[in-house]
């Protein structure tokens, strides 16, 4: 039987991303990414717990934070009533960007009916390729093993562009030195970012300034991105890519195959998905939190997989009531 999620679930989820963003925004430029992440995790967890959902976190924050938080894998969130959901989230996608005051940090969450999300715990890293609706049909599993030039040529042909006109989002990591060299040798342009894996996937899938995302990023970020990419009609390929011997052994012990190639539908089954994001620092897709005395302004995005609807929500928050979250607030649009 096909599970249908409430049409207004996305608006509830935005309350959780807004709570994380309002908390995280206070840490902008302070050079303390771990502290910011923990504070945002606590705020998001509190906001989720007042929602009428029976949520289970499929991939939690402990792998990234290196310590326990209210958002660990396997934790339940919500009141326990309402739809049974798989949840994957990131209170700050781009915590180090936030710490130095850079753009495109955001709070994000993806949900699907219980059992729809692929649990890849304890894997931490995966290789990914993300493109928009126009280029989705050009992706084939061989893209993950082929030279970057081959994949770029496929995408360029479908998008009716020269390879030199493509912009490729890549995380600025030592592991990507050779990938960046390949992309540049092929003639494409590279957009390097220290963090912001999900923002990069959104930019690639949403017909923004980025044509394709390539490289290794987080597993949790990959599953969250899959919720967004499905809603936007884009294409995605992913494969586990352990970055240490410890992770490699953990993945093998869990029976996960590092050769298996995942599509969006493999990571998140069905169309009954929601994705929500709130900007923390201003970026290509969303404005960041703006504090004005006792008021703050946020901008959020909600994507619904069943309809492909994309909503942009501009909200004004009374900070004199900050953190005083009640069940009544969880059931109204305030």
Protein backbone atom coordinates (compact mmCIF):
# COMPACT_ATOMS: atom_id res chain seq x y z
CA UNK A 1 0.00 0.00 0.00
CA UNK A 2 1.30 3.44 -0.90
CA UNK A 3 1.84 5.65 2.12
CA UNK A 4 0.52 9.20 1.83
CA UNK A 5 1.98 11.78 4.20
CA UNK A 6 -0.07 14.77 5.41
CA UNK A 7 0.14 17.62 2.92
CA UNK A 8 1.02 20.12 5.67
CA UNK A 9 3.84 18.02 7.15
CA UNK A 10 6.40 20.21 5.40
CA UNK A 11 5.22 23.24 7.35
CA UNK A 12 5.76 21.35 10.61
CA UNK A 13 9.26 20.35 9.55
CA UNK A 14 10.12 23.97 8.78
CA UNK A 15 9.56 24.78 12.43
CA UNK A 16 12.42 22.41 13.26
CA UNK A 17 14.80 23.86 10.65
CA UNK A 18 13.86 27.39 11.73
CA UNK A 19 14.63 26.55 15.37
CA UNK A 20 18.05 25.20 14.41
CA UNK A 21 18.78 28.17 12.15
CA UNK A 22 17.75 30.77 14.75
CA UNK A 23 20.08 29.13 17.27
CA UNK A 24 22.95 28.56 14.84
CA UNK A 25 22.82 32.10 13.49
CA UNK A 26 24.02 33.41 16.86
CA UNK A 27 27.27 31.47 16.31
CA UNK A 28 28.10 33.01 12.93
CA UNK A 29 31.70 34.14 12.71
CA UNK A 30 32.64 32.99 16.22
CA UNK A 31 34.97 30.24 15.02
CA UNK A 32 33.29 27.49 17.05
CA UNK A 33 31.68 25.02 14.62
CA UNK A 34 31.35 22.11 17.06
CA UNK A 35 29.65 24.20 19.73
CA UNK A 36 27.34 25.69 17.12
CA UNK A 37 26.43 22.23 15.85
CA UNK A 38 25.62 20.93 19.31
CA UNK A 39 23.45 23.96 20.15
CA UNK A 40 21.59 23.69 16.84
CA UNK A 41 21.10 19.94 17.37
CA UNK A 42 19.49 20.56 20.74
CA UNK A 43 17.20 23.25 19.31
CA UNK A 44 16.14 21.04 16.39
CA UNK A 45 15.53 18.08 18.70
CA UNK A 46 13.30 20.15 20.99
CA UNK A 47 11.30 21.44 18.03
CA UNK A 48 10.83 17.95 16.58
CA UNK A 49 9.67 16.53 19.90
CA UNK A 50 6.55 18.71 20.00
CA UNK A 51 5.40 17.61 16.54
CA UNK A 52 2.66 15.01 16.20
CA UNK A 53 4.87 12.48 14.44
CA UNK A 54 6.36 9.09 15.28
CA UNK A 55 9.83 9.81 13.97
CA UNK A 56 12.94 7.65 13.93
CA UNK A 57 16.34 9.11 13.06
CA UNK A 58 17.91 6.83 10.46
CA UNK A 59 21.32 8.51 10.32
CA UNK A 60 22.22 10.67 13.30
CA UNK A 61 24.69 13.34 14.27
CA UNK A 62 27.06 11.24 16.36
CA UNK A 63 29.25 10.31 13.39
CA UNK A 64 29.85 13.95 12.53
CA UNK A 65 30.01 15.46 16.03
CA UNK A 66 32.07 12.67 17.58
CA UNK A 67 29.78 12.84 20.61
CA UNK A 68 26.18 12.04 21.47
CA UNK A 69 23.38 14.51 20.84
CA UNK A 70 19.56 14.42 20.93
CA UNK A 71 19.75 13.49 17.25
CA UNK A 72 21.71 10.22 17.35
CA UNK A 73 20.94 7.32 15.02
CA UNK A 74 17.98 5.28 16.21
CA UNK A 75 16.57 8.03 18.43
CA UNK A 76 12.83 8.63 18.32
CA UNK A 77 11.45 12.15 17.99
CA UNK A 78 7.95 13.58 18.09
CA UNK A 79 4.94 13.01 20.31
CA UNK A 80 4.59 9.41 19.13
CA UNK A 81 1.24 10.06 17.46
CA UNK A 82 0.86 10.87 13.79
CA UNK A 83 2.66 9.33 10.82
CA UNK A 84 5.55 6.90 11.35
CA UNK A 85 8.56 8.51 9.68
CA UNK A 86 12.18 7.89 8.81
CA UNK A 87 14.16 11.07 9.41
CA UNK A 88 17.62 12.21 8.40
CA UNK A 89 18.80 15.69 9.26
CA UNK A 90 21.64 18.15 9.58
CA UNK A 91 21.12 21.08 11.98
CA UNK A 92 24.00 22.91 10.25
CA UNK A 93 25.03 21.91 6.77
CA UNK A 94 28.22 23.93 6.56
CA UNK A 95 29.19 24.42 10.21
CA UNK A 96 32.69 25.58 9.31
CA UNK A 97 31.25 28.00 6.76
CA UNK A 98 29.11 29.40 9.56
CA UNK A 99 32.08 29.60 11.92
CA UNK A 100 33.96 31.90 9.53
CA UNK A 101 30.89 33.82 8.38
CA UNK A 102 30.71 32.37 4.85
CA UNK A 103 27.58 31.86 2.78
CA UNK A 104 25.33 28.84 2.22
CA UNK A 105 25.13 27.38 5.74
CA UNK A 106 21.64 25.98 6.27
CA UNK A 107 19.58 23.75 8.58
CA UNK A 108 18.02 20.82 6.72
CA UNK A 109 15.79 17.80 7.25
CA UNK A 110 14.42 15.05 5.02
CA UNK A 111 11.62 12.63 5.88
CA UNK A 112 9.89 9.63 4.32
CA UNK A 113 7.48 6.94 5.56
CA UNK A 114 8.92 4.41 8.00
CA UNK A 115 11.13 1.91 6.19
CA UNK A 116 11.56 4.02 3.06
CA UNK A 117 15.09 5.28 3.82
CA UNK A 118 18.13 3.09 3.28
CA UNK A 119 20.04 2.74 6.54
CA UNK A 120 23.74 2.88 5.73
CA UNK A 121 24.98 3.13 9.32
CA UNK A 122 27.87 3.04 10.27
CA UNK A 123 29.12 4.42 6.93
CA UNK A 124 30.12 8.09 7.11
CA UNK A 125 31.23 8.96 3.56
CA UNK A 126 29.91 8.34 0.06
CA UNK A 127 30.83 9.37 -3.46
CA UNK A 128 28.10 11.35 -5.24
CA UNK A 129 27.08 12.82 -8.55
CA UNK A 130 24.03 15.13 -8.71
CA UNK A 131 22.47 16.82 -11.73
CA UNK A 132 19.19 18.59 -12.55
CA UNK A 133 16.06 17.32 -14.28
CA UNK A 134 17.44 18.10 -17.72
CA UNK A 135 20.53 15.96 -17.28
CA UNK A 136 19.06 13.24 -15.03
CA UNK A 137 18.61 10.79 -17.89
CA UNK A 138 22.29 11.00 -18.83
CA UNK A 139 23.52 9.50 -15.54
CA UNK A 140 24.47 5.83 -15.67
CA UNK A 141 26.24 3.77 -12.97
CA UNK A 142 29.43 3.80 -15.07
CA UNK A 143 29.76 7.53 -14.34
CA UNK A 144 31.17 6.73 -10.89
CA UNK A 145 34.11 4.79 -12.38
CA UNK A 146 34.63 6.72 -15.61
CA UNK A 147 37.03 9.67 -15.97
CA UNK A 148 35.40 12.96 -15.02
CA UNK A 149 35.73 14.17 -18.62
CA UNK A 150 33.46 11.35 -19.81
CA UNK A 151 30.68 12.22 -17.37
CA UNK A 152 31.03 15.94 -18.05
CA UNK A 153 30.74 15.30 -21.79
CA UNK A 154 27.49 13.36 -21.22
CA UNK A 155 26.00 16.17 -19.14
CA UNK A 156 27.18 18.90 -21.51
CA UNK A 157 25.67 17.13 -24.51
CA UNK A 158 22.26 16.78 -22.88
CA UNK A 159 22.27 20.37 -21.62
CA UNK A 160 23.41 21.63 -25.03
CA UNK A 161 26.46 23.31 -23.53
CA UNK A 162 30.16 23.21 -24.17
CA UNK A 163 32.07 21.41 -21.41
CA UNK A 164 33.90 24.68 -20.71
CA UNK A 165 30.53 26.25 -19.80
CA UNK A 166 29.79 23.70 -17.07
CA UNK A 167 30.22 24.60 -13.40
CA UNK A 168 31.08 21.68 -11.11
CA UNK A 169 30.58 21.84 -7.34
CA UNK A 170 33.33 20.01 -5.41
CA UNK A 171 34.14 20.05 -1.71
CA UNK A 172 37.58 21.55 -1.12
CA UNK A 173 39.28 18.51 0.39
CA UNK A 174 42.70 16.87 -0.14
CA UNK A 175 40.89 13.74 -1.34
CA UNK A 176 39.60 15.70 -4.34
CA UNK A 177 42.92 16.99 -5.66
CA UNK A 178 42.97 14.55 -8.58
CA UNK A 179 39.26 15.00 -9.29
CA UNK A 180 39.68 18.76 -9.53
CA UNK A 181 42.65 18.28 -11.86
CA UNK A 182 40.54 16.00 -14.08
CA UNK A 183 37.68 18.48 -14.22
CA UNK A 184 39.94 21.39 -15.07
CA UNK A 185 41.81 19.36 -17.67
CA UNK A 186 38.46 18.54 -19.28
CA UNK A 187 37.86 22.30 -19.52
CA UNK A 188 35.00 22.68 -17.01
CA UNK A 189 34.98 25.24 -14.23
CA UNK A 190 35.17 24.23 -10.57
CA UNK A 191 33.29 25.77 -7.66
CA UNK A 192 35.21 24.74 -4.53
CA UNK A 193 33.57 25.02 -1.13
CA UNK A 194 34.93 24.00 2.28
CA UNK A 195 31.55 22.58 3.26
CA UNK A 196 27.92 22.69 2.21
CA UNK A 197 27.43 19.30 0.57
CA UNK A 198 23.63 19.58 0.65
CA UNK A 199 23.64 23.18 -0.59
CA UNK A 200 25.80 22.00 -3.49
CA UNK A 201 23.41 19.17 -4.34
CA UNK A 202 20.44 21.55 -4.19
CA UNK A 203 22.20 24.02 -6.47
CA UNK A 204 22.94 21.27 -8.98
CA UNK A 205 19.41 19.82 -8.89
CA UNK A 206 17.46 23.08 -8.85
CA UNK A 207 18.68 24.61 -12.13
CA UNK A 208 20.82 27.07 -10.16
CA UNK A 209 24.33 28.25 -11.09
CA UNK A 210 25.81 24.75 -10.63
CA UNK A 211 25.51 22.12 -13.37
CA UNK A 212 26.76 19.08 -11.47
CA UNK A 213 28.03 18.04 -8.05
CA UNK A 214 30.88 15.53 -7.94
CA UNK A 215 33.03 14.01 -5.22
CA UNK A 216 32.93 12.42 -1.77
CA UNK A 217 30.77 13.83 1.01
CA UNK A 218 28.75 12.65 3.97
CA UNK A 219 26.33 9.72 3.90
CA UNK A 220 23.69 11.56 5.94
CA UNK A 221 23.99 14.53 3.61
CA UNK A 222 23.58 12.17 0.66
CA UNK A 223 20.30 10.72 1.96
CA UNK A 224 18.97 14.18 2.80
CA UNK A 225 19.96 15.39 -0.66
CA UNK A 226 18.16 12.41 -2.21
CA UNK A 227 14.87 13.65 -0.67
CA UNK A 228 15.44 17.05 -2.29
CA UNK A 229 16.70 15.75 -5.63
CA UNK A 230 13.67 13.42 -5.97
CA UNK A 231 11.31 16.34 -5.37
CA UNK A 232 13.12 18.47 -7.95
CA UNK A 233 13.15 15.70 -10.54
CA UNK A 234 16.96 15.64 -10.68
CA UNK A 235 19.33 12.69 -10.92
CA UNK A 236 21.77 11.27 -8.39
CA UNK A 237 24.26 8.43 -8.15
CA UNK A 238 26.01 7.46 -4.92
CA UNK A 239 28.37 4.79 -3.60
CA UNK A 240 29.94 4.27 -0.19
CA UNK A 241 33.51 5.56 0.01
CA UNK A 242 35.12 4.82 3.41
CA UNK A 243 37.88 7.33 4.18
CA UNK A 244 39.73 5.39 6.87
CA UNK A 245 40.57 1.82 7.71
CA UNK A 246 38.33 2.02 10.79
CA UNK A 247 35.36 3.13 8.69
CA UNK A 248 36.16 0.50 6.06
CA UNK A 249 36.10 -2.27 8.69
CA UNK A 250 32.89 -0.92 10.24
CA UNK A 251 31.17 -0.86 6.85
CA UNK A 252 32.33 -4.40 6.05
CA UNK A 253 31.17 -5.67 9.46
CA UNK A 254 27.73 -4.17 8.80
CA UNK A 255 27.48 -6.15 5.56
CA UNK A 256 27.40 -3.07 3.34
CA UNK A 257 28.80 -3.39 -0.19
CA UNK A 258 31.10 -0.52 -1.16
CA UNK A 259 30.67 -1.48 -4.83
CA UNK A 260 26.89 -1.00 -4.87
CA UNK A 261 25.68 2.07 -6.75
CA UNK A 262 22.62 3.83 -5.35
CA UNK A 263 20.14 6.05 -7.13
CA UNK A 264 17.71 8.43 -5.39
CA UNK A 265 15.10 5.67 -5.33
CA UNK A 266 17.58 3.27 -3.73
CA UNK A 267 18.37 5.75 -0.96
CA UNK A 268 14.77 6.85 -0.41
CA UNK A 269 11.98 4.67 -1.80
CA UNK A 270 8.74 6.12 -3.16
CA UNK A 271 7.55 9.67 -3.73
CA UNK A 272 6.09 10.35 -0.27
CA UNK A 273 9.01 12.52 0.83
CA UNK A 274 9.51 15.97 2.25
CA UNK A 275 12.61 18.13 2.40
CA UNK A 276 12.87 21.34 4.41
CA UNK A 277 15.73 23.81 4.73
CA UNK A 278 16.21 27.17 6.43
CA UNK A 279 19.07 29.47 5.54
CA UNK A 280 21.51 30.31 8.33
CA UNK A 281 23.94 32.43 6.30
CA UNK A 282 22.76 33.87 2.99
CA UNK A 283 23.52 31.81 -0.10
CA UNK A 284 22.48 31.10 -3.67
CA UNK A 285 19.15 29.52 -2.73
CA UNK A 286 18.15 30.98 0.64
CA UNK A 287 18.71 34.15 2.63
CA UNK A 288 20.29 33.76 6.05
CA UNK A 289 18.87 34.65 9.45
CA UNK A 290 18.54 38.39 9.99
CA UNK A 291 18.26 39.61 13.58
CA UNK A 292 16.49 42.92 14.23
CA UNK A 293 16.18 43.70 17.92
CA UNK A 294 13.44 41.48 19.33
CA UNK A 295 12.65 40.05 15.91
CA UNK A 296 14.39 37.72 13.49
CA UNK A 297 13.62 36.97 9.86
CA UNK A 298 14.20 33.60 8.20
CA UNK A 299 13.81 32.17 4.71
CA UNK A 300 13.02 28.50 4.20
CA UNK A 301 12.33 26.04 1.40
CA UNK A 302 9.92 23.11 1.51
CA UNK A 303 9.91 20.43 -1.19
CA UNK A 304 7.19 17.79 -1.45
CA UNK A 305 8.06 14.68 -3.40
CA UNK A 306 4.52 13.59 -4.29
CA UNK A 307 3.66 16.82 -6.09
CA UNK A 308 7.07 18.32 -6.87
CA UNK A 309 5.89 21.52 -5.19
CA UNK A 310 8.57 23.94 -4.04
CA UNK A 311 7.59 26.54 -1.45
CA UNK A 312 9.70 29.44 -0.21
CA UNK A 313 8.63 30.67 3.22
CA UNK A 314 9.62 34.02 4.69
CA UNK A 315 8.94 34.13 8.42
CA UNK A 316 9.27 36.70 11.21
CA UNK A 317 9.99 35.43 14.71
CA UNK A 318 9.38 37.16 18.04
CA UNK A 319 12.64 36.56 19.90
CA UNK A 320 11.12 37.50 23.23
CA UNK A 321 9.49 34.05 23.03
CA UNK A 322 12.63 32.31 21.76
CA UNK A 323 12.98 28.72 23.00
CA UNK A 324 9.61 28.90 24.78
CA UNK A 325 8.19 26.26 22.47
CA UNK A 326 4.83 24.88 23.50
CA UNK A 327 2.50 22.33 22.02
CA UNK A 328 0.17 25.16 21.05
CA UNK A 329 2.99 26.75 19.06
CA UNK A 330 3.63 23.41 17.42
CA UNK A 331 0.04 23.22 16.25
CA UNK A 332 -0.26 26.76 14.87
CA UNK A 333 1.44 28.81 12.21
CA UNK A 334 3.06 31.23 14.68
